[in-house]
């Protein structure tokens, strides 16, 4: 009984820590991407012929 209770506590703690890690990474990603804008020139272009080599 005691072993099962300790396992449940460890599992809940692990889920909590994983949730905090996901939340922190989402916040960091939002903060790092808010000042970036899309490029106005450049980007993809269609390659033809010898450009593939």
Protein backbone atom coordinates (compact mmCIF):
# COMPACT_ATOMS: atom_id res chain seq x y z
CA UNK A 1 0.00 0.00 0.00
CA UNK A 2 2.74 2.44 0.95
CA UNK A 3 4.76 1.62 -2.17
CA UNK A 4 1.77 2.34 -4.41
CA UNK A 5 1.16 5.65 -2.67
CA UNK A 6 4.79 6.68 -3.17
CA UNK A 7 4.57 5.69 -6.83
CA UNK A 8 1.46 7.81 -7.32
CA UNK A 9 3.11 10.79 -5.65
CA UNK A 10 6.19 10.41 -7.84
CA UNK A 11 4.03 10.15 -10.95
CA UNK A 12 2.03 13.26 -10.03
CA UNK A 13 5.24 15.16 -9.30
CA UNK A 14 6.66 14.11 -12.67
CA UNK A 15 3.52 15.23 -14.51
CA UNK A 16 3.64 18.55 -12.67
CA UNK A 17 7.31 19.14 -13.52
CA UNK A 18 6.72 18.21 -17.17
CA UNK A 19 3.77 20.61 -17.34
CA UNK A 20 5.91 23.41 -15.92
CA UNK A 21 8.62 22.69 -18.50
CA UNK A 22 6.12 22.83 -21.37
CA UNK A 23 4.63 26.07 -20.04
CA UNK A 24 8.06 27.68 -19.61
CA UNK A 25 9.17 26.69 -23.11
CA UNK A 26 5.94 28.09 -24.60
CA UNK A 27 6.47 31.40 -22.80
CA UNK A 28 10.10 31.61 -23.95
CA UNK A 29 9.08 30.84 -27.53
CA UNK A 30 6.37 33.52 -27.48
CA UNK A 31 8.73 36.13 -26.06
CA UNK A 32 11.50 35.34 -28.55
CA UNK A 33 9.20 35.44 -31.60
CA UNK A 34 7.22 38.59 -30.92
CA UNK A 35 9.70 41.09 -32.42
CA UNK A 36 10.49 39.17 -35.60
CA UNK A 37 8.78 40.15 -38.83
CA UNK A 38 8.55 38.34 -42.14
CA UNK A 39 11.31 39.07 -44.68
CA UNK A 40 10.31 41.53 -47.38
CA UNK A 41 12.57 40.13 -50.09
CA UNK A 42 14.35 36.89 -50.88
CA UNK A 43 12.88 33.56 -49.99
CA UNK A 44 12.18 30.55 -52.17
CA UNK A 45 12.67 30.52 -55.92
CA UNK A 46 12.09 27.92 -58.57
CA UNK A 47 15.31 26.16 -59.59
CA UNK A 48 15.83 25.16 -63.19
CA UNK A 49 18.47 23.16 -65.04
CA UNK A 50 22.05 23.31 -63.74
CA UNK A 51 21.06 25.08 -60.52
CA UNK A 52 20.13 21.67 -59.07
CA UNK A 53 23.78 20.49 -59.12
